[in-house]
N, C-alpha and C. Protein backbone atom coordinates (compact mmCIF):
# COMPACT_ATOMS: atom_id res chain seq x y z
N MET A 1 151.88 113.63 52.37
CA MET A 1 152.35 114.74 53.18
C MET A 1 153.87 114.64 53.31
N LEU A 2 154.53 115.74 53.02
CA LEU A 2 155.99 115.74 53.07
C LEU A 2 156.49 116.31 54.39
N TYR A 3 157.39 115.59 54.99
CA TYR A 3 158.03 116.05 56.22
C TYR A 3 159.48 116.40 55.91
N SER A 4 160.00 117.38 56.64
CA SER A 4 161.42 117.73 56.47
C SER A 4 162.29 116.58 56.99
N GLU A 5 163.54 116.59 56.59
CA GLU A 5 164.49 115.58 57.08
C GLU A 5 164.64 115.68 58.59
N ILE A 6 164.57 116.91 59.10
CA ILE A 6 164.72 117.10 60.55
C ILE A 6 163.54 116.47 61.29
N VAL A 7 162.31 116.66 60.77
CA VAL A 7 161.13 116.03 61.39
C VAL A 7 161.32 114.51 61.39
N MET A 8 161.72 113.96 60.25
CA MET A 8 161.88 112.50 60.16
C MET A 8 162.96 112.01 61.12
N ASP A 9 164.05 112.76 61.26
CA ASP A 9 165.11 112.36 62.17
C ASP A 9 164.61 112.36 63.62
N HIS A 10 163.88 113.41 64.01
CA HIS A 10 163.37 113.48 65.38
C HIS A 10 162.26 112.46 65.63
N PHE A 11 161.55 112.06 64.57
CA PHE A 11 160.53 111.02 64.71
C PHE A 11 161.19 109.65 64.86
N GLN A 12 162.19 109.38 64.02
CA GLN A 12 162.83 108.06 64.04
C GLN A 12 163.83 107.90 65.18
N ASN A 13 164.45 109.02 65.59
CA ASN A 13 165.43 108.99 66.69
C ASN A 13 165.11 110.09 67.69
N PRO A 14 163.96 109.99 68.35
CA PRO A 14 163.58 111.09 69.25
C PRO A 14 164.55 111.24 70.42
N ARG A 15 164.79 112.49 70.79
CA ARG A 15 165.68 112.82 71.90
C ARG A 15 164.86 112.92 73.19
N ASN A 16 165.50 112.57 74.30
CA ASN A 16 164.93 112.81 75.63
C ASN A 16 163.59 112.11 75.88
N VAL A 17 163.47 110.89 75.37
CA VAL A 17 162.25 110.12 75.60
C VAL A 17 162.28 109.49 76.99
N GLY A 18 161.14 109.46 77.64
CA GLY A 18 161.05 108.78 78.93
C GLY A 18 160.34 109.65 79.94
N GLU A 19 160.50 109.29 81.20
CA GLU A 19 159.92 110.11 82.25
C GLU A 19 160.94 110.30 83.35
N ILE A 20 160.75 111.35 84.14
CA ILE A 20 161.62 111.62 85.29
C ILE A 20 160.78 111.34 86.52
N LYS A 21 161.15 110.30 87.27
CA LYS A 21 160.34 109.87 88.42
C LYS A 21 160.20 110.97 89.47
N ASP A 22 161.30 111.70 89.74
CA ASP A 22 161.25 112.74 90.77
C ASP A 22 161.27 114.13 90.12
N ALA A 23 160.48 114.29 89.06
CA ALA A 23 160.45 115.55 88.32
C ALA A 23 160.04 116.71 89.22
N ASP A 24 160.58 117.89 88.90
CA ASP A 24 160.19 119.11 89.62
C ASP A 24 158.93 119.72 89.01
N GLY A 25 158.62 119.32 87.80
CA GLY A 25 157.41 119.81 87.15
C GLY A 25 157.00 118.86 86.04
N VAL A 26 155.68 118.66 85.90
CA VAL A 26 155.15 117.79 84.85
C VAL A 26 154.03 118.54 84.15
N GLY A 27 154.06 118.53 82.83
CA GLY A 27 153.01 119.19 82.06
C GLY A 27 152.45 118.26 81.01
N GLU A 28 151.15 118.37 80.79
CA GLU A 28 150.50 117.52 79.80
C GLU A 28 149.63 118.37 78.90
N ALA A 29 149.62 118.04 77.63
CA ALA A 29 148.75 118.71 76.67
C ALA A 29 148.23 117.64 75.73
N GLY A 30 147.05 117.85 75.22
CA GLY A 30 146.55 116.85 74.30
C GLY A 30 145.23 117.20 73.70
N ASN A 31 144.95 116.52 72.62
CA ASN A 31 143.70 116.67 71.91
C ASN A 31 143.14 115.28 71.70
N PRO A 32 142.24 114.84 72.58
CA PRO A 32 141.74 113.48 72.48
C PRO A 32 141.08 113.18 71.13
N ARG A 33 140.55 114.23 70.48
CA ARG A 33 139.87 114.01 69.21
C ARG A 33 140.81 113.52 68.13
N CYS A 34 142.02 114.09 68.07
CA CYS A 34 142.96 113.60 67.04
C CYS A 34 143.98 112.64 67.65
N GLY A 35 143.92 112.46 68.97
CA GLY A 35 144.73 111.42 69.59
C GLY A 35 146.13 111.79 70.02
N ASP A 36 146.54 113.04 69.80
CA ASP A 36 147.89 113.44 70.21
C ASP A 36 147.89 113.83 71.69
N ILE A 37 148.71 113.15 72.48
CA ILE A 37 148.84 113.49 73.90
C ILE A 37 150.32 113.56 74.22
N MET A 38 150.72 114.63 74.88
CA MET A 38 152.12 114.91 75.15
C MET A 38 152.30 115.16 76.64
N LYS A 39 153.31 114.54 77.22
CA LYS A 39 153.63 114.77 78.63
C LYS A 39 155.11 115.12 78.72
N ILE A 40 155.41 116.21 79.42
CA ILE A 40 156.79 116.67 79.55
C ILE A 40 157.16 116.77 81.02
N TYR A 41 158.34 116.26 81.36
CA TYR A 41 158.87 116.25 82.74
C TYR A 41 160.12 117.12 82.78
N ILE A 42 160.24 117.95 83.82
CA ILE A 42 161.46 118.77 83.93
C ILE A 42 162.08 118.64 85.32
N LYS A 43 163.42 118.76 85.33
CA LYS A 43 164.20 118.91 86.57
C LYS A 43 164.81 120.29 86.51
N VAL A 44 164.74 121.00 87.64
CA VAL A 44 165.22 122.38 87.68
C VAL A 44 166.24 122.54 88.79
N GLU A 45 167.35 123.20 88.45
CA GLU A 45 168.36 123.57 89.45
C GLU A 45 168.79 125.00 89.17
N ASN A 46 168.81 125.83 90.21
CA ASN A 46 169.22 127.23 90.06
C ASN A 46 168.50 127.92 88.91
N ASP A 47 167.18 127.69 88.84
CA ASP A 47 166.32 128.33 87.84
C ASP A 47 166.61 127.89 86.40
N HIS A 48 167.39 126.82 86.22
CA HIS A 48 167.69 126.29 84.89
C HIS A 48 167.10 124.88 84.74
N ILE A 49 166.64 124.58 83.55
CA ILE A 49 166.16 123.22 83.27
C ILE A 49 167.38 122.35 83.00
N VAL A 50 167.65 121.43 83.93
CA VAL A 50 168.85 120.60 83.83
C VAL A 50 168.57 119.22 83.26
N ASP A 51 167.29 118.85 83.24
CA ASP A 51 166.92 117.59 82.59
C ASP A 51 165.48 117.73 82.13
N ILE A 52 165.18 117.09 81.02
CA ILE A 52 163.83 117.14 80.46
C ILE A 52 163.58 115.85 79.70
N LYS A 53 162.41 115.29 79.89
CA LYS A 53 162.02 114.07 79.18
C LYS A 53 160.59 114.22 78.70
N PHE A 54 160.22 113.43 77.71
CA PHE A 54 158.84 113.48 77.24
C PHE A 54 158.32 112.10 76.91
N LYS A 55 157.00 111.99 76.98
CA LYS A 55 156.27 110.83 76.48
C LYS A 55 155.16 111.38 75.61
N THR A 56 155.10 110.92 74.38
CA THR A 56 154.09 111.42 73.46
C THR A 56 153.41 110.25 72.77
N PHE A 57 152.09 110.33 72.75
CA PHE A 57 151.29 109.39 71.99
C PHE A 57 150.74 110.19 70.82
N GLY A 58 151.18 109.90 69.62
CA GLY A 58 150.69 110.68 68.50
C GLY A 58 151.43 110.41 67.22
N CYS A 59 151.19 111.29 66.28
CA CYS A 59 151.74 111.14 64.93
C CYS A 59 153.22 111.56 64.89
N ALA A 60 153.83 111.42 63.74
CA ALA A 60 155.24 111.78 63.55
C ALA A 60 155.49 113.24 63.95
N SER A 61 154.59 114.13 63.57
CA SER A 61 154.77 115.56 63.89
C SER A 61 154.73 115.80 65.39
N ALA A 62 153.86 115.09 66.10
CA ALA A 62 153.75 115.27 67.56
C ALA A 62 155.02 114.78 68.24
N ILE A 63 155.53 113.65 67.81
CA ILE A 63 156.75 113.10 68.41
C ILE A 63 157.95 113.99 68.08
N ALA A 64 158.05 114.41 66.82
CA ALA A 64 159.16 115.29 66.42
C ALA A 64 159.08 116.63 67.16
N SER A 65 157.87 117.18 67.32
CA SER A 65 157.71 118.46 68.03
C SER A 65 158.13 118.33 69.49
N SER A 66 157.75 117.22 70.12
CA SER A 66 158.14 116.98 71.52
C SER A 66 159.66 116.89 71.63
N SER A 67 160.26 116.11 70.75
CA SER A 67 161.70 115.89 70.77
C SER A 67 162.45 117.21 70.57
N MET A 68 162.05 117.98 69.56
CA MET A 68 162.73 119.25 69.28
C MET A 68 162.51 120.24 70.43
N ALA A 69 161.30 120.30 70.97
CA ALA A 69 161.01 121.23 72.07
C ALA A 69 161.91 120.93 73.27
N THR A 70 162.12 119.65 73.58
CA THR A 70 162.97 119.31 74.73
C THR A 70 164.41 119.76 74.46
N GLU A 71 164.86 119.64 73.22
CA GLU A 71 166.21 120.10 72.89
C GLU A 71 166.33 121.62 73.01
N LEU A 72 165.27 122.33 72.61
CA LEU A 72 165.31 123.80 72.65
C LEU A 72 165.33 124.34 74.08
N VAL A 73 164.66 123.66 75.02
CA VAL A 73 164.59 124.20 76.38
C VAL A 73 165.67 123.65 77.33
N MET A 74 166.32 122.56 76.96
CA MET A 74 167.36 121.99 77.82
C MET A 74 168.44 123.03 78.12
N GLY A 75 168.73 123.22 79.41
CA GLY A 75 169.78 124.15 79.80
C GLY A 75 169.34 125.61 79.90
N LYS A 76 168.13 125.89 79.46
CA LYS A 76 167.63 127.26 79.50
C LYS A 76 167.10 127.60 80.89
N THR A 77 166.98 128.91 81.16
CA THR A 77 166.32 129.32 82.40
C THR A 77 164.83 129.04 82.23
N ILE A 78 164.11 129.04 83.34
CA ILE A 78 162.67 128.83 83.30
C ILE A 78 162.01 129.87 82.39
N GLU A 79 162.44 131.12 82.53
CA GLU A 79 161.84 132.19 81.72
C GLU A 79 162.15 132.02 80.24
N GLU A 80 163.40 131.66 79.91
CA GLU A 80 163.75 131.43 78.51
C GLU A 80 162.93 130.28 77.93
N ALA A 81 162.77 129.22 78.72
CA ALA A 81 162.00 128.06 78.26
C ALA A 81 160.54 128.46 78.01
N TRP A 82 160.00 129.28 78.91
CA TRP A 82 158.61 129.73 78.79
C TRP A 82 158.40 130.49 77.48
N ASN A 83 159.42 131.24 77.06
CA ASN A 83 159.29 132.11 75.89
C ASN A 83 159.54 131.42 74.56
N ILE A 84 159.85 130.13 74.58
CA ILE A 84 160.01 129.40 73.32
C ILE A 84 158.61 129.11 72.79
N THR A 85 158.35 129.57 71.57
CA THR A 85 157.01 129.50 71.01
C THR A 85 156.82 128.27 70.13
N ASN A 86 155.56 127.98 69.84
CA ASN A 86 155.27 126.87 68.93
C ASN A 86 155.89 127.11 67.56
N SER A 87 155.92 128.36 67.10
CA SER A 87 156.51 128.61 65.78
C SER A 87 158.02 128.42 65.80
N ALA A 88 158.66 128.66 66.96
CA ALA A 88 160.10 128.39 67.08
C ALA A 88 160.37 126.89 66.97
N VAL A 89 159.48 126.10 67.58
CA VAL A 89 159.61 124.63 67.48
C VAL A 89 159.46 124.21 66.03
N ALA A 90 158.42 124.71 65.35
CA ALA A 90 158.18 124.35 63.95
C ALA A 90 159.34 124.79 63.06
N LYS A 91 159.85 126.00 63.32
CA LYS A 91 160.98 126.53 62.52
C LYS A 91 162.22 125.67 62.71
N ALA A 92 162.48 125.26 63.95
CA ALA A 92 163.65 124.42 64.23
C ALA A 92 163.54 123.06 63.53
N LEU A 93 162.29 122.63 63.30
CA LEU A 93 162.06 121.37 62.58
C LEU A 93 162.10 121.58 61.06
N ASP A 94 162.42 122.79 60.63
CA ASP A 94 162.43 123.12 59.20
C ASP A 94 161.01 123.09 58.65
N GLY A 95 160.06 123.46 59.50
CA GLY A 95 158.67 123.57 59.06
C GLY A 95 157.86 122.31 59.32
N LEU A 96 156.56 122.53 59.54
CA LEU A 96 155.59 121.44 59.67
C LEU A 96 154.48 121.70 58.66
N PRO A 97 153.86 120.65 58.14
CA PRO A 97 152.71 120.87 57.26
C PRO A 97 151.64 121.66 58.04
N PRO A 98 150.94 122.60 57.39
CA PRO A 98 149.95 123.43 58.10
C PRO A 98 148.96 122.60 58.93
N ILE A 99 148.56 121.47 58.42
CA ILE A 99 147.59 120.63 59.13
C ILE A 99 148.19 120.02 60.40
N LYS A 100 149.52 120.10 60.53
CA LYS A 100 150.21 119.53 61.70
C LYS A 100 150.76 120.60 62.64
N MET A 101 150.50 121.88 62.37
CA MET A 101 151.02 122.94 63.25
C MET A 101 150.54 122.78 64.68
N HIS A 102 149.36 122.20 64.87
CA HIS A 102 148.85 122.05 66.25
C HIS A 102 149.78 121.19 67.10
N CYS A 103 150.59 120.35 66.46
CA CYS A 103 151.54 119.53 67.23
C CYS A 103 152.58 120.39 67.92
N SER A 104 153.02 121.47 67.25
CA SER A 104 153.99 122.36 67.88
C SER A 104 153.32 123.15 69.01
N VAL A 105 152.03 123.44 68.85
CA VAL A 105 151.28 124.13 69.92
C VAL A 105 151.21 123.23 71.16
N LEU A 106 150.97 121.94 70.95
CA LEU A 106 150.92 121.00 72.08
C LEU A 106 152.25 120.98 72.83
N ALA A 107 153.36 121.03 72.09
CA ALA A 107 154.68 121.02 72.73
C ALA A 107 154.85 122.26 73.61
N GLU A 108 154.46 123.41 73.07
CA GLU A 108 154.54 124.65 73.86
C GLU A 108 153.66 124.56 75.10
N GLU A 109 152.44 124.06 74.93
CA GLU A 109 151.51 123.96 76.07
C GLU A 109 152.02 122.99 77.13
N ALA A 110 152.61 121.87 76.71
CA ALA A 110 153.13 120.90 77.67
C ALA A 110 154.30 121.49 78.46
N ILE A 111 155.16 122.25 77.78
CA ILE A 111 156.27 122.91 78.47
C ILE A 111 155.71 123.94 79.47
N HIS A 112 154.74 124.72 79.04
CA HIS A 112 154.12 125.70 79.95
C HIS A 112 153.50 125.00 81.15
N GLY A 113 152.85 123.86 80.90
CA GLY A 113 152.25 123.11 82.00
C GLY A 113 153.30 122.63 82.99
N ALA A 114 154.43 122.14 82.48
CA ALA A 114 155.51 121.66 83.36
C ALA A 114 156.10 122.81 84.17
N ILE A 115 156.31 123.95 83.52
CA ILE A 115 156.86 125.12 84.22
C ILE A 115 155.88 125.60 85.30
N ASN A 116 154.60 125.67 84.98
CA ASN A 116 153.63 126.12 85.98
C ASN A 116 153.46 125.12 87.12
N ASP A 117 153.60 123.83 86.81
CA ASP A 117 153.58 122.82 87.87
C ASP A 117 154.76 123.04 88.80
N TYR A 118 155.93 123.28 88.22
CA TYR A 118 157.13 123.58 89.01
C TYR A 118 156.90 124.83 89.86
N ARG A 119 156.37 125.89 89.25
CA ARG A 119 156.14 127.15 89.99
C ARG A 119 155.17 126.92 91.16
N ARG A 120 154.11 126.16 90.93
CA ARG A 120 153.15 125.87 92.01
C ARG A 120 153.83 125.13 93.15
N ARG A 121 154.66 124.15 92.80
CA ARG A 121 155.37 123.38 93.83
C ARG A 121 156.33 124.26 94.63
N GLN A 122 156.79 125.36 94.02
CA GLN A 122 157.68 126.29 94.70
C GLN A 122 156.91 127.36 95.47
N GLY A 123 155.58 127.26 95.45
CA GLY A 123 154.75 128.25 96.13
C GLY A 123 154.63 129.55 95.35
N LEU A 124 154.88 129.50 94.05
CA LEU A 124 154.79 130.69 93.20
C LEU A 124 153.50 130.67 92.40
N GLU A 125 153.08 131.86 91.99
CA GLU A 125 151.90 131.96 91.12
C GLU A 125 152.24 131.38 89.74
N PRO A 126 151.32 130.62 89.15
CA PRO A 126 151.58 130.17 87.77
C PRO A 126 151.57 131.36 86.81
N TRP A 127 152.36 131.26 85.75
CA TRP A 127 152.37 132.30 84.73
C TRP A 127 151.17 132.12 83.84
N GLU A 128 150.72 133.22 83.25
CA GLU A 128 149.56 133.13 82.37
C GLU A 128 149.99 132.73 80.98
N ASP A 129 149.23 131.79 80.42
CA ASP A 129 149.51 131.34 79.06
C ASP A 129 149.23 132.45 78.08
N LYS A 130 150.13 132.62 77.13
CA LYS A 130 149.89 133.63 76.11
C LYS A 130 149.26 132.96 74.89
N SER A 131 148.71 133.76 74.02
CA SER A 131 148.17 133.18 72.79
C SER A 131 149.34 132.80 71.90
N HIS A 132 149.12 131.88 71.01
CA HIS A 132 150.21 131.33 70.20
C HIS A 132 150.51 132.22 69.00
N ASP A 133 151.71 132.02 68.47
CA ASP A 133 152.18 132.82 67.34
C ASP A 133 151.34 132.62 66.09
N GLU A 134 150.91 131.41 65.89
CA GLU A 134 150.29 131.09 64.62
C GLU A 134 148.90 130.54 64.82
N LEU A 135 148.05 130.85 63.89
CA LEU A 135 146.71 130.27 63.94
C LEU A 135 146.83 128.77 63.75
N VAL A 136 145.95 128.05 64.38
CA VAL A 136 146.02 126.60 64.35
C VAL A 136 144.90 126.09 63.45
N ASP A 137 145.15 124.96 62.80
CA ASP A 137 144.17 124.45 61.85
C ASP A 137 142.85 124.09 62.53
N GLU A 138 141.83 123.98 61.73
CA GLU A 138 140.47 123.77 62.25
C GLU A 138 140.26 122.40 62.86
N HIS A 139 141.19 121.47 62.67
CA HIS A 139 141.03 120.14 63.26
C HIS A 139 141.45 120.13 64.72
N SER A 140 142.05 121.21 65.16
CA SER A 140 142.56 121.27 66.52
C SER A 140 141.48 121.76 67.46
N HIS A 141 141.67 121.48 68.75
CA HIS A 141 140.72 121.99 69.75
C HIS A 141 141.15 123.35 70.26
N HIS A 142 142.24 123.88 69.71
CA HIS A 142 142.75 125.18 70.15
C HIS A 142 142.16 126.28 69.28
N PHE A 143 141.71 127.33 69.90
CA PHE A 143 141.18 128.46 69.14
C PHE A 143 141.82 129.73 69.64
N HIS A 144 143.09 129.90 69.33
CA HIS A 144 143.81 131.09 69.76
C HIS A 144 143.83 132.08 68.61
N HIS A 145 143.67 133.33 68.94
CA HIS A 145 143.78 134.37 67.91
C HIS A 145 145.24 134.79 67.80
N GLN A 146 145.56 135.40 66.69
CA GLN A 146 146.93 135.88 66.51
C GLN A 146 147.14 137.11 67.36
N GLY A 147 148.37 137.27 67.85
CA GLY A 147 148.65 138.48 68.61
C GLY A 147 149.54 138.21 69.78
């Protein structure tokens, strides 16, 4: 399986690894069957994500997807971060093998989880998860339709 140079760089030198003890929101996504588990922590000030960290147990694609996703949402507003899609993560990584696209979906779901955790803590209604941009391979536990 061939990975892009960007995937390999984010796997070997992942950005924003760790946890935030006093996080404003924490989101987790995972597929126990294939073993990828992703946890994302966010700090929010004035509706902007000012710090983000992740812990991921998984393959190179899962770690690279987590790392890239944290870079894409850092400094963004909550709404901008919410609108970053799994395909945007994969595109920023210069593509993922089709069998690994579910890793980018996990990154999107973990970010959504962290944002909704933050919203709940603020006494706000959680936002509804949208279906993902791309169909996910059959090895994944996700069954989202296109649209």
